């Protein structure tokens, strides 16, 4: 895995995307950039390939999914989850709500109202397996609407996953931009944040080397600052000089930036851009960064970009 790929993978993990690949072929032949209403995604590429071929494509597309809000697999249903589903069922299918209560063995003399109060007091108690609740929901009048109202956006379906909304779907080679985590665009491209990451890396590494740090320590500092800059999800922007000084979280094991937990990079040599890459990043920043963000080498690059190229065929003494 090269440097850029390692950083991209770290961003994907920090955003909650599963490391498992999923596949989807489009029988229509169209390749949408969004799946607003969700869709089916298979773990088996051969299953998806059949649909892709029907649409005139040789291969299905490969995806990564955020399954943190999936119903139907893994951990048991907790009290607060049961309550959310019960509330949604009462709204969309009262019979389902009644059937759900039949799954609960209440203490003698206690009724539904007592149970609802108990759910609020003990929100994390594990009540039952998903398998016990799933048949009731799937045979209800509005299963997907009920699950979405209860906070789920995915449904476990054996070898497949049914995404109920367009959120948490990315192409496998997407850049996983934290600033666009709420976007339903499956590409969710990366522009300014990635550049900021490279520049912060450069600033922190140079500062560390000037202070006498060895190469490994300098790269560790640069890596941390780059991860912070690229992964920042706060609404307020950070100056490059501030980003370059965020160093200590590498040793602590995690960092909290703008409310998002960003996983640390495991080794200092996970990312080490060449001087050519850094120069290119500086030029990008010079053209696109606001004035407050053009610091040090970035400001130098900006000033250089304002100097017109010399035209050998033009006489500088002749005004144009």
C-alpha atoms as a PDB file:
ATOM      1  CA  UNK A   1       0.000   0.000   0.000  1.00  0.00           C
ATOM      2  CA  UNK A   2       1.542   3.332  -1.060  1.00  0.00           C
ATOM      3  CA  UNK A   3       1.447   6.553   0.947  1.00  0.00           C
ATOM      4  CA  UNK A   4      -1.657   8.049  -0.664  1.00  0.00           C
ATOM      5  CA  UNK A   5      -3.549   4.777  -0.327  1.00  0.00           C
ATOM      6  CA  UNK A   6      -2.609   4.467   3.343  1.00  0.00           C
ATOM      7  CA  UNK A   7      -3.960   7.940   4.067  1.00  0.00           C
ATOM      8  CA  UNK A   8      -7.150   7.266   2.097  1.00  0.00           C
ATOM      9  CA  UNK A   9      -7.716   4.024   4.006  1.00  0.00           C
ATOM     10  CA  UNK A  10      -7.185   5.803   7.311  1.00  0.00           C
ATOM     11  CA  UNK A  11      -9.818   8.374   6.362  1.00  0.00           C
ATOM     12  CA  UNK A  12     -12.268   5.621   5.405  1.00  0.00           C
ATOM     13  CA  UNK A  13     -11.832   3.880   8.755  1.00  0.00           C
ATOM     14  CA  UNK A  14     -12.162   7.151  10.662  1.00  0.00           C
ATOM     15  CA  UNK A  15     -15.493   7.799   8.908  1.00  0.00           C
ATOM     16  CA  UNK A  16     -16.806   4.356   9.854  1.00  0.00           C
ATOM     17  CA  UNK A  17     -16.662   2.608   6.493  1.00  0.00           C
ATOM     18  CA  UNK A  18     -16.340  -1.156   6.574  1.00  0.00           C
ATOM     19  CA  UNK A  19     -13.174  -2.714   5.183  1.00  0.00           C
ATOM     20  CA  UNK A  20     -15.371  -5.242   3.350  1.00  0.00           C
ATOM     21  CA  UNK A  21     -15.942  -4.612  -0.348  1.00  0.00           C
ATOM     22  CA  UNK A  22     -19.453  -4.681  -1.769  1.00  0.00           C
ATOM     23  CA  UNK A  23     -20.438  -4.848  -5.421  1.00  0.00           C
ATOM     24  CA  UNK A  24     -23.318  -3.578  -7.513  1.00  0.00           C
ATOM     25  CA  UNK A  25     -24.117  -3.921 -11.202  1.00  0.00           C
ATOM     26  CA  UNK A  26     -26.606  -1.680 -12.976  1.00  0.00           C
ATOM     27  CA  UNK A  27     -28.975  -3.572 -15.271  1.00  0.00           C
ATOM     28  CA  UNK A  28     -30.012  -0.243 -16.796  1.00  0.00           C
ATOM     29  CA  UNK A  29     -26.456   0.488 -17.900  1.00  0.00           C
ATOM     30  CA  UNK A  30     -26.533   3.856 -16.151  1.00  0.00           C
ATOM     31  CA  UNK A  31     -23.918   4.527 -13.479  1.00  0.00           C
ATOM     32  CA  UNK A  32     -25.455   6.991 -11.014  1.00  0.00           C
ATOM     33  CA  UNK A  33     -23.431   9.215  -8.717  1.00  0.00           C
ATOM     34  CA  UNK A  34     -26.030   8.892  -5.948  1.00  0.00           C
ATOM     35  CA  UNK A  35     -28.471   6.303  -4.628  1.00  0.00           C
ATOM     36  CA  UNK A  36     -30.990   8.586  -2.947  1.00  0.00           C
ATOM     37  CA  UNK A  37     -33.374   5.757  -2.141  1.00  0.00           C
ATOM     38  CA  UNK A  38     -30.644   3.296  -1.213  1.00  0.00           C
ATOM     39  CA  UNK A  39     -30.182  -0.024  -2.975  1.00  0.00           C
ATOM     40  CA  UNK A  40     -28.874  -3.581  -2.744  1.00  0.00           C
ATOM     41  CA  UNK A  41     -25.135  -4.237  -2.520  1.00  0.00           C
ATOM     42  CA  UNK A  42     -23.647  -7.739  -2.656  1.00  0.00           C
ATOM     43  CA  UNK A  43     -20.547  -9.176  -1.043  1.00  0.00           C
ATOM     44  CA  UNK A  44     -20.319 -11.539  -4.019  1.00  0.00           C
ATOM     45  CA  UNK A  45     -18.902  -9.892  -7.170  1.00  0.00           C
ATOM     46  CA  UNK A  46     -20.315 -12.683  -9.336  1.00  0.00           C
ATOM     47  CA  UNK A  47     -23.860 -11.868  -8.220  1.00  0.00           C
ATOM     48  CA  UNK A  48     -23.378  -8.223  -9.137  1.00  0.00           C
ATOM     49  CA  UNK A  49     -21.586  -9.069 -12.398  1.00  0.00           C
ATOM     50  CA  UNK A  50     -24.748 -10.611 -13.807  1.00  0.00           C
ATOM     51  CA  UNK A  51     -26.603  -7.302 -13.398  1.00  0.00           C
ATOM     52  CA  UNK A  52     -23.668  -5.351 -14.832  1.00  0.00           C
ATOM     53  CA  UNK A  53     -23.583  -7.539 -17.949  1.00  0.00           C
ATOM     54  CA  UNK A  54     -27.293  -7.003 -18.498  1.00  0.00           C
ATOM     55  CA  UNK A  55     -26.496  -3.293 -18.600  1.00  0.00           C
ATOM     56  CA  UNK A  56     -23.664  -3.727 -21.078  1.00  0.00           C
ATOM     57  CA  UNK A  57     -20.822  -3.489 -18.555  1.00  0.00           C
ATOM     58  CA  UNK A  58     -18.166  -6.153 -18.119  1.00  0.00           C
ATOM     59  CA  UNK A  59     -17.692  -5.617 -14.384  1.00  0.00           C
ATOM     60  CA  UNK A  60     -19.750  -4.333 -11.445  1.00  0.00           C
ATOM     61  CA  UNK A  61     -18.631  -1.337  -9.450  1.00  0.00           C
ATOM     62  CA  UNK A  62     -16.923  -1.873  -6.095  1.00  0.00           C
ATOM     63  CA  UNK A  63     -18.186  -0.022  -3.028  1.00  0.00           C
ATOM     64  CA  UNK A  64     -17.466   0.582   0.648  1.00  0.00           C
ATOM     65  CA  UNK A  65     -20.409   0.992   3.023  1.00  0.00           C
ATOM     66  CA  UNK A  66     -20.902   2.577   6.412  1.00  0.00           C
ATOM     67  CA  UNK A  67     -22.804  -0.128   8.307  1.00  0.00           C
ATOM     68  CA  UNK A  68     -22.794   1.504  11.728  1.00  0.00           C
ATOM     69  CA  UNK A  69     -26.588   1.902  11.578  1.00  0.00           C
ATOM     70  CA  UNK A  70     -27.474  -1.510  10.154  1.00  0.00           C
ATOM     71  CA  UNK A  71     -30.344  -3.607  11.465  1.00  0.00           C
ATOM     72  CA  UNK A  72     -30.340  -7.362  11.479  1.00  0.00           C
ATOM     73  CA  UNK A  73     -26.860  -8.631  12.204  1.00  0.00           C
ATOM     74  CA  UNK A  74     -24.243  -8.671  14.934  1.00  0.00           C
ATOM     75  CA  UNK A  75     -25.044  -7.089  18.266  1.00  0.00           C
ATOM     76  CA  UNK A  76     -28.356  -7.740  20.076  1.00  0.00           C
ATOM     77  CA  UNK A  77     -31.198  -5.232  20.105  1.00  0.00           C
ATOM     78  CA  UNK A  78     -30.735  -2.895  23.058  1.00  0.00           C
ATOM     79  CA  UNK A  79     -33.514  -1.249  25.039  1.00  0.00           C
ATOM     80  CA  UNK A  80     -33.143   2.174  23.404  1.00  0.00           C
ATOM     81  CA  UNK A  81     -33.208   0.576  19.941  1.00  0.00           C
ATOM     82  CA  UNK A  82     -36.289  -1.433  20.815  1.00  0.00           C
ATOM     83  CA  UNK A  83     -37.953   1.753  22.056  1.00  0.00           C
ATOM     84  CA  UNK A  84     -37.159   3.615  18.814  1.00  0.00           C
ATOM     85  CA  UNK A  85     -38.617   0.778  16.734  1.00  0.00           C
ATOM     86  CA  UNK A  86     -41.643   0.570  19.023  1.00  0.00           C
ATOM     87  CA  UNK A  87     -42.300   4.306  18.593  1.00  0.00           C
ATOM     88  CA  UNK A  88     -41.976   4.044  14.800  1.00  0.00           C
ATOM     89  CA  UNK A  89     -44.250   1.010  14.736  1.00  0.00           C
ATOM     90  CA  UNK A  90     -46.895   2.826  16.779  1.00  0.00           C
ATOM     91  CA  UNK A  91     -46.840   5.559  14.147  1.00  0.00           C
ATOM     92  CA  UNK A  92     -46.882   3.422  11.003  1.00  0.00           C
ATOM     93  CA  UNK A  93     -48.270   0.023  12.060  1.00  0.00           C
ATOM     94  CA  UNK A  94     -49.957  -0.198  15.483  1.00  0.00           C
ATOM     95  CA  UNK A  95     -50.392  -3.946  15.075  1.00  0.00           C
ATOM     96  CA  UNK A  96     -46.634  -4.354  14.883  1.00  0.00           C
ATOM     97  CA  UNK A  97     -46.258  -2.361  18.100  1.00  0.00           C
ATOM     98  CA  UNK A  98     -48.733  -4.698  19.806  1.00  0.00           C
ATOM     99  CA  UNK A  99     -46.911  -7.766  18.460  1.00  0.00           C
ATOM    100  CA  UNK A 100     -43.592  -6.416  19.722  1.00  0.00           C
ATOM    101  CA  UNK A 101     -45.007  -6.108  23.233  1.00  0.00           C
ATOM    102  CA  UNK A 102     -45.947  -9.794  23.101  1.00  0.00           C
ATOM    103  CA  UNK A 103     -42.218 -10.569  22.890  1.00  0.00           C
ATOM    104  CA  UNK A 104     -41.672  -9.019  26.317  1.00  0.00           C
ATOM    105  CA  UNK A 105     -42.456 -10.945  29.516  1.00  0.00           C
ATOM    106  CA  UNK A 106     -43.506  -8.228  31.942  1.00  0.00           C
ATOM    107  CA  UNK A 107     -43.337  -8.623  35.741  1.00  0.00           C
ATOM    108  CA  UNK A 108     -46.691  -9.394  37.415  1.00  0.00           C
ATOM    109  CA  UNK A 109     -48.887  -6.315  37.683  1.00  0.00           C
ATOM    110  CA  UNK A 110     -46.796  -4.278  35.208  1.00  0.00           C
ATOM    111  CA  UNK A 111     -48.124  -2.978  31.902  1.00  0.00           C
ATOM    112  CA  UNK A 112     -46.876  -1.285  28.710  1.00  0.00           C
ATOM    113  CA  UNK A 113     -46.497   2.146  30.315  1.00  0.00           C
ATOM    114  CA  UNK A 114     -44.262   0.756  33.050  1.00  0.00           C
ATOM    115  CA  UNK A 115     -42.194  -1.005  30.395  1.00  0.00           C
ATOM    116  CA  UNK A 116     -41.733   2.197  28.407  1.00  0.00           C
ATOM    117  CA  UNK A 117     -40.448   3.966  31.510  1.00  0.00           C
ATOM    118  CA  UNK A 118     -38.120   1.044  32.190  1.00  0.00           C
ATOM    119  CA  UNK A 119     -36.694   1.347  28.633  1.00  0.00           C
ATOM    120  CA  UNK A 120     -35.683   4.922  29.362  1.00  0.00           C
ATOM    121  CA  UNK A 121     -34.037   3.993  32.658  1.00  0.00           C
ATOM    122  CA  UNK A 122     -32.134   1.004  31.203  1.00  0.00           C
ATOM    123  CA  UNK A 123     -31.342   2.089  27.609  1.00  0.00           C
ATOM    124  CA  UNK A 124     -28.351  -0.207  27.067  1.00  0.00           C
ATOM    125  CA  UNK A 125     -29.812  -3.465  28.354  1.00  0.00           C
ATOM    126  CA  UNK A 126     -29.750  -6.165  25.656  1.00  0.00           C
ATOM    127  CA  UNK A 127     -33.313  -7.364  25.149  1.00  0.00           C
ATOM    128  CA  UNK A 128     -33.179  -9.873  22.309  1.00  0.00           C
ATOM    129  CA  UNK A 129     -31.459 -10.958  19.128  1.00  0.00           C
ATOM    130  CA  UNK A 130     -32.246  -9.214  15.870  1.00  0.00           C
ATOM    131  CA  UNK A 131     -33.520 -12.559  14.591  1.00  0.00           C
ATOM    132  CA  UNK A 132     -36.337 -12.470  17.151  1.00  0.00           C
ATOM    133  CA  UNK A 133     -37.569  -9.076  15.985  1.00  0.00           C
ATOM    134  CA  UNK A 134     -36.812  -9.154  12.272  1.00  0.00           C
ATOM    135  CA  UNK A 135     -39.741 -11.374  11.115  1.00  0.00           C
ATOM    136  CA  UNK A 136     -42.269  -9.101  12.796  1.00  0.00           C
ATOM    137  CA  UNK A 137     -40.806  -5.987  11.199  1.00  0.00           C
ATOM    138  CA  UNK A 138     -40.391  -7.457   7.722  1.00  0.00           C
ATOM    139  CA  UNK A 139     -44.003  -8.689   7.708  1.00  0.00           C
ATOM    140  CA  UNK A 140     -45.348  -5.330   8.850  1.00  0.00           C
ATOM    141  CA  UNK A 141     -47.154  -2.773   6.712  1.00  0.00           C
ATOM    142  CA  UNK A 142     -44.116  -0.502   6.239  1.00  0.00           C
ATOM    143  CA  UNK A 143     -40.857  -2.217   7.259  1.00  0.00           C
ATOM    144  CA  UNK A 144     -38.385   0.187   5.631  1.00  0.00           C
ATOM    145  CA  UNK A 145     -40.205   3.291   6.794  1.00  0.00           C
ATOM    146  CA  UNK A 146     -40.300   1.956  10.339  1.00  0.00           C
ATOM    147  CA  UNK A 147     -36.582   1.139  10.357  1.00  0.00           C
ATOM    148  CA  UNK A 148     -35.629   4.531   8.915  1.00  0.00           C
ATOM    149  CA  UNK A 149     -37.772   6.331  11.474  1.00  0.00           C
ATOM    150  CA  UNK A 150     -36.036   4.267  14.166  1.00  0.00           C
ATOM    151  CA  UNK A 151     -32.626   5.526  13.009  1.00  0.00           C
ATOM    152  CA  UNK A 152     -31.431   2.673  10.790  1.00  0.00           C
ATOM    153  CA  UNK A 153     -30.108   3.211   7.284  1.00  0.00           C
ATOM    154  CA  UNK A 154     -29.083  -0.360   6.380  1.00  0.00           C
ATOM    155  CA  UNK A 155     -30.658  -3.808   6.512  1.00  0.00           C
ATOM    156  CA  UNK A 156     -28.647  -7.022   6.758  1.00  0.00           C
ATOM    157  CA  UNK A 157     -29.777  -9.469   4.100  1.00  0.00           C
ATOM    158  CA  UNK A 158     -27.442 -12.474   4.205  1.00  0.00           C
ATOM    159  CA  UNK A 159     -24.811 -12.049   1.471  1.00  0.00           C
ATOM    160  CA  UNK A 160     -26.295  -8.657   0.602  1.00  0.00           C
ATOM    161  CA  UNK A 161     -26.899  -5.367   2.351  1.00  0.00           C
ATOM    162  CA  UNK A 162     -29.898  -3.206   1.600  1.00  0.00           C
ATOM    163  CA  UNK A 163     -29.086   0.478   2.100  1.00  0.00           C
ATOM    164  CA  UNK A 164     -32.326   2.231   2.992  1.00  0.00           C
ATOM    165  CA  UNK A 165     -31.018   5.721   2.236  1.00  0.00           C
ATOM    166  CA  UNK A 166     -28.294   7.242   0.105  1.00  0.00           C
ATOM    167  CA  UNK A 167     -25.971   7.929   3.040  1.00  0.00           C
ATOM    168  CA  UNK A 168     -22.881   5.878   3.832  1.00  0.00           C
ATOM    169  CA  UNK A 169     -22.232   4.698   0.256  1.00  0.00           C
ATOM    170  CA  UNK A 170     -18.893   5.322  -1.449  1.00  0.00           C
ATOM    171  CA  UNK A 171     -17.057   3.926  -4.417  1.00  0.00           C
ATOM    172  CA  UNK A 172     -14.114   1.854  -3.254  1.00  0.00           C
ATOM    173  CA  UNK A 173     -11.661   4.371  -4.724  1.00  0.00           C
ATOM    174  CA  UNK A 174     -13.399   7.465  -3.311  1.00  0.00           C
ATOM    175  CA  UNK A 175     -11.278   9.861  -1.290  1.00  0.00           C
ATOM    176  CA  UNK A 176     -13.493   9.680   1.854  1.00  0.00           C
ATOM    177  CA  UNK A 177     -13.484  13.402   2.518  1.00  0.00           C
ATOM    178  CA  UNK A 178     -14.549  14.062   6.150  1.00  0.00           C
ATOM    179  CA  UNK A 179     -15.880  17.479   5.199  1.00  0.00           C
ATOM    180  CA  UNK A 180     -18.323  15.738   2.873  1.00  0.00           C
ATOM    181  CA  UNK A 181     -19.282  12.868   5.131  1.00  0.00           C
ATOM    182  CA  UNK A 182     -22.971  13.847   4.914  1.00  0.00           C
ATOM    183  CA  UNK A 183     -22.905  13.954   1.107  1.00  0.00           C
ATOM    184  CA  UNK A 184     -24.717  11.160  -0.717  1.00  0.00           C
ATOM    185  CA  UNK A 185     -22.390  11.485  -3.704  1.00  0.00           C
ATOM    186  CA  UNK A 186     -20.625   8.124  -3.967  1.00  0.00           C
ATOM    187  CA  UNK A 187     -17.406   9.789  -5.155  1.00  0.00           C
ATOM    188  CA  UNK A 188     -17.240  12.509  -2.489  1.00  0.00           C
ATOM    189  CA  UNK A 189     -14.074  13.952  -3.978  1.00  0.00           C
ATOM    190  CA  UNK A 190     -11.170  15.498  -2.112  1.00  0.00           C
ATOM    191  CA  UNK A 191      -9.568  18.813  -2.968  1.00  0.00           C
ATOM    192  CA  UNK A 192      -8.704  21.447  -0.386  1.00  0.00           C
ATOM    193  CA  UNK A 193      -8.533  19.171   2.702  1.00  0.00           C
ATOM    194  CA  UNK A 194      -6.040  16.823   1.064  1.00  0.00           C
ATOM    195  CA  UNK A 195      -3.863  19.721   0.027  1.00  0.00           C
ATOM    196  CA  UNK A 196      -4.061  21.107   3.552  1.00  0.00           C
ATOM    197  CA  UNK A 197      -2.913  17.747   4.896  1.00  0.00           C
ATOM    198  CA  UNK A 198       0.170  17.720   2.689  1.00  0.00           C
ATOM    199  CA  UNK A 199       1.016  21.299   3.529  1.00  0.00           C
ATOM    200  CA  UNK A 200       0.614  20.806   7.263  1.00  0.00           C
ATOM    201  CA  UNK A 201       2.833  17.740   6.998  1.00  0.00           C
ATOM    202  CA  UNK A 202       5.456  19.831   5.227  1.00  0.00           C
ATOM    203  CA  UNK A 203       5.340  22.660   7.770  1.00  0.00           C
ATOM    204  CA  UNK A 204       5.534  20.407  10.821  1.00  0.00           C
ATOM    205  CA  UNK A 205       8.289  18.223   9.391  1.00  0.00           C
ATOM    206  CA  UNK A 206      10.434  21.221   8.404  1.00  0.00           C
ATOM    207  CA  UNK A 207       9.956  22.807  11.807  1.00  0.00           C
ATOM    208  CA  UNK A 208      10.951  19.584  13.571  1.00  0.00           C
ATOM    209  CA  UNK A 209      14.073  19.143  11.423  1.00  0.00           C
ATOM    210  CA  UNK A 210      15.095  22.766  12.066  1.00  0.00           C
ATOM    211  CA  UNK A 211      14.764  22.091  15.794  1.00  0.00           C
ATOM    212  CA  UNK A 212      17.189  19.173  15.539  1.00  0.00           C
ATOM    213  CA  UNK A 213      14.727  16.244  15.515  1.00  0.00           C
ATOM    214  CA  UNK A 214      15.870  13.096  13.731  1.00  0.00           C
ATOM    215  CA  UNK A 215      14.160  12.017  10.505  1.00  0.00           C
ATOM    216  CA  UNK A 216      11.739   9.565  12.123  1.00  0.00           C
ATOM    217  CA  UNK A 217      10.584  12.087  14.733  1.00  0.00           C
ATOM    218  CA  UNK A 218      10.248  14.814  12.090  1.00  0.00           C
ATOM    219  CA  UNK A 219       8.114  12.579   9.916  1.00  0.00           C
ATOM    220  CA  UNK A 220       6.005  11.553  12.898  1.00  0.00           C
ATOM    221  CA  UNK A 221       5.259  15.188  13.636  1.00  0.00           C
ATOM    222  CA  UNK A 222       4.522  15.903   9.990  1.00  0.00           C
ATOM    223  CA  UNK A 223       2.274  12.875   9.706  1.00  0.00           C
ATOM    224  CA  UNK A 224       0.248  13.908  12.723  1.00  0.00           C
ATOM    225  CA  UNK A 225      -0.202  17.471  11.527  1.00  0.00           C
ATOM    226  CA  UNK A 226      -1.119  16.260   8.048  1.00  0.00           C
ATOM    227  CA  UNK A 227      -3.731  13.901   9.429  1.00  0.00           C
ATOM    228  CA  UNK A 228      -5.222  16.672  11.538  1.00  0.00           C
ATOM    229  CA  UNK A 229      -5.330  19.121   8.647  1.00  0.00           C
ATOM    230  CA  UNK A 230      -6.855  16.673   6.184  1.00  0.00           C
ATOM    231  CA  UNK A 231      -9.262  15.208   8.703  1.00  0.00           C
ATOM    232  CA  UNK A 232     -10.546  18.369  10.337  1.00  0.00           C
ATOM    233  CA  UNK A 233     -14.343  18.439  10.277  1.00  0.00           C
ATOM    234  CA  UNK A 234     -14.972  21.521  12.387  1.00  0.00           C
ATOM    235  CA  UNK A 235     -16.762  24.414  10.762  1.00  0.00           C
ATOM    236  CA  UNK A 236     -13.954  26.853  11.645  1.00  0.00           C
ATOM    237  CA  UNK A 237     -10.808  26.741   9.557  1.00  0.00           C
ATOM    238  CA  UNK A 238      -7.404  26.363  11.127  1.00  0.00           C
ATOM    239  CA  UNK A 239      -4.323  28.321  10.117  1.00  0.00           C
ATOM    240  CA  UNK A 240      -1.449  26.245   8.832  1.00  0.00           C
ATOM    241  CA  UNK A 241       0.800  27.420  11.659  1.00  0.00           C
ATOM    242  CA  UNK A 242      -1.642  26.024  14.236  1.00  0.00           C
ATOM    243  CA  UNK A 243      -2.039  22.728  12.437  1.00  0.00           C
ATOM    244  CA  UNK A 244       1.704  22.277  12.246  1.00  0.00           C
ATOM    245  CA  UNK A 245       1.951  22.270  16.045  1.00  0.00           C
ATOM    246  CA  UNK A 246      -0.540  19.474  16.765  1.00  0.00           C
ATOM    247  CA  UNK A 247       1.923  16.757  17.665  1.00  0.00           C
ATOM    248  CA  UNK A 248       1.191  14.923  20.906  1.00  0.00           C
ATOM    249  CA  UNK A 249      -1.893  12.853  19.870  1.00  0.00           C
ATOM    250  CA  UNK A 250       0.326  10.335  18.041  1.00  0.00           C
ATOM    251  CA  UNK A 251       1.698   9.185  21.373  1.00  0.00           C
ATOM    252  CA  UNK A 252      -1.723   9.241  23.055  1.00  0.00           C
ATOM    253  CA  UNK A 253      -3.293   7.012  20.434  1.00  0.00           C
ATOM    254  CA  UNK A 254      -6.186   9.122  19.168  1.00  0.00           C
ATOM    255  CA  UNK A 255      -7.152  12.684  18.425  1.00  0.00           C
ATOM    256  CA  UNK A 256     -10.433  14.577  18.637  1.00  0.00           C
ATOM    257  CA  UNK A 257     -10.881  17.244  16.009  1.00  0.00           C
ATOM    258  CA  UNK A 258     -14.158  19.098  15.538  1.00  0.00           C
ATOM    259  CA  UNK A 259     -16.115  16.346  17.250  1.00  0.00           C
ATOM    260  CA  UNK A 260     -14.747  13.574  15.018  1.00  0.00           C
ATOM    261  CA  UNK A 261     -12.396  10.915  16.336  1.00  0.00           C
ATOM    262  CA  UNK A 262      -9.510  10.585  13.927  1.00  0.00           C
ATOM    263  CA  UNK A 263      -7.489   7.377  14.236  1.00  0.00           C
ATOM    264  CA  UNK A 264      -3.739   7.952  14.502  1.00  0.00           C
ATOM    265  CA  UNK A 265      -1.424   6.674  11.831  1.00  0.00           C
ATOM    266  CA  UNK A 266       0.566   3.754  13.111  1.00  0.00           C
ATOM    267  CA  UNK A 267       4.007   4.566  11.750  1.00  0.00           C
ATOM    268  CA  UNK A 268       5.931   7.683  10.857  1.00  0.00           C
ATOM    269  CA  UNK A 269       6.809   6.362   7.401  1.00  0.00           C
ATOM    270  CA  UNK A 270       3.188   5.795   6.412  1.00  0.00           C
ATOM    271  CA  UNK A 271       3.367   9.077   4.480  1.00  0.00           C
ATOM    272  CA  UNK A 272       6.451  10.887   3.225  1.00  0.00           C
ATOM    273  CA  UNK A 273       5.751  13.143   0.219  1.00  0.00           C
ATOM    274  CA  UNK A 274       8.556  14.041  -2.163  1.00  0.00           C
ATOM    275  CA  UNK A 275       9.796  17.596  -2.564  1.00  0.00           C
ATOM    276  CA  UNK A 276       8.101  17.647  -5.977  1.00  0.00           C
ATOM    277  CA  UNK A 277       4.760  16.684  -4.402  1.00  0.00           C
ATOM    278  CA  UNK A 278       5.124  19.365  -1.736  1.00  0.00           C
ATOM    279  CA  UNK A 279       5.986  21.996  -4.346  1.00  0.00           C
ATOM    280  CA  UNK A 280       2.906  21.018  -6.325  1.00  0.00           C
ATOM    281  CA  UNK A 281       0.758  21.246  -3.208  1.00  0.00           C
ATOM    282  CA  UNK A 282       2.155  24.683  -2.433  1.00  0.00           C
ATOM    283  CA  UNK A 283       1.226  25.882  -5.914  1.00  0.00           C
ATOM    284  CA  UNK A 284      -2.298  24.510  -5.552  1.00  0.00           C
ATOM    285  CA  UNK A 285      -2.623  26.250  -2.215  1.00  0.00           C
ATOM    286  CA  UNK A 286      -1.277  29.487  -3.632  1.00  0.00           C
ATOM    287  CA  UNK A 287      -4.075  29.525  -6.174  1.00  0.00           C
ATOM    288  CA  UNK A 288      -6.903  28.317  -3.951  1.00  0.00           C
ATOM    289  CA  UNK A 289      -6.229  29.149  -0.305  1.00  0.00           C
ATOM    290  CA  UNK A 290      -7.713  32.326   1.170  1.00  0.00           C
ATOM    291  CA  UNK A 291      -5.223  34.983   2.186  1.00  0.00           C
ATOM    292  CA  UNK A 292      -5.280  34.027   5.884  1.00  0.00           C
ATOM    293  CA  UNK A 293      -4.112  30.486   5.055  1.00  0.00           C
ATOM    294  CA  UNK A 294      -1.164  31.492   2.877  1.00  0.00           C
ATOM    295  CA  UNK A 295       1.689  31.203   5.343  1.00  0.00           C
ATOM    296  CA  UNK A 296       5.421  30.719   4.880  1.00  0.00           C
ATOM    297  CA  UNK A 297       6.174  28.691   1.785  1.00  0.00           C
ATOM    298  CA  UNK A 298       2.560  28.998   0.668  1.00  0.00           C
ATOM    299  CA  UNK A 299       2.764  32.804   0.638  1.00  0.00           C
ATOM    300  CA  UNK A 300       6.068  32.582  -1.257  1.00  0.00           C
ATOM    301  CA  UNK A 301       4.424  30.387  -3.884  1.00  0.00           C
ATOM    302  CA  UNK A 302       1.522  32.813  -4.117  1.00  0.00           C
ATOM    303  CA  UNK A 303       3.802  35.787  -4.669  1.00  0.00           C
ATOM    304  CA  UNK A 304       5.716  33.863  -7.338  1.00  0.00           C
ATOM    305  CA  UNK A 305       2.446  33.044  -9.092  1.00  0.00           C
ATOM    306  CA  UNK A 306       1.751  36.791  -9.404  1.00  0.00           C
ATOM    307  CA  UNK A 307       4.900  37.352 -11.475  1.00  0.00           C
ATOM    308  CA  UNK A 308       4.040  37.145 -15.200  1.00  0.00           C
ATOM    309  CA  UNK A 309       6.017  34.685 -17.265  1.00  0.00           C
ATOM    310  CA  UNK A 310       8.783  36.253 -19.312  1.00  0.00           C
ATOM    311  CA  UNK A 311       8.073  36.324 -23.052  1.00  0.00           C
ATOM    312  CA  UNK A 312      11.383  36.213 -24.974  1.00  0.00           C
ATOM    313  CA  UNK A 313       9.704  37.710 -28.042  1.00  0.00           C
ATOM    314  CA  UNK A 314       8.406  40.791 -26.236  1.00  0.00           C
ATOM    315  CA  UNK A 315      10.311  44.019 -25.777  1.00  0.00           C
ATOM    316  CA  UNK A 316       9.766  45.068 -22.119  1.00  0.00           C
ATOM    317  CA  UNK A 317      10.306  48.712 -23.107  1.00  0.00           C
ATOM    318  CA  UNK A 318       7.290  48.673 -25.403  1.00  0.00           C
ATOM    319  CA  UNK A 319       3.991  49.100 -23.519  1.00  0.00           C
ATOM    320  CA  UNK A 320       1.121  46.811 -24.534  1.00  0.00           C
END
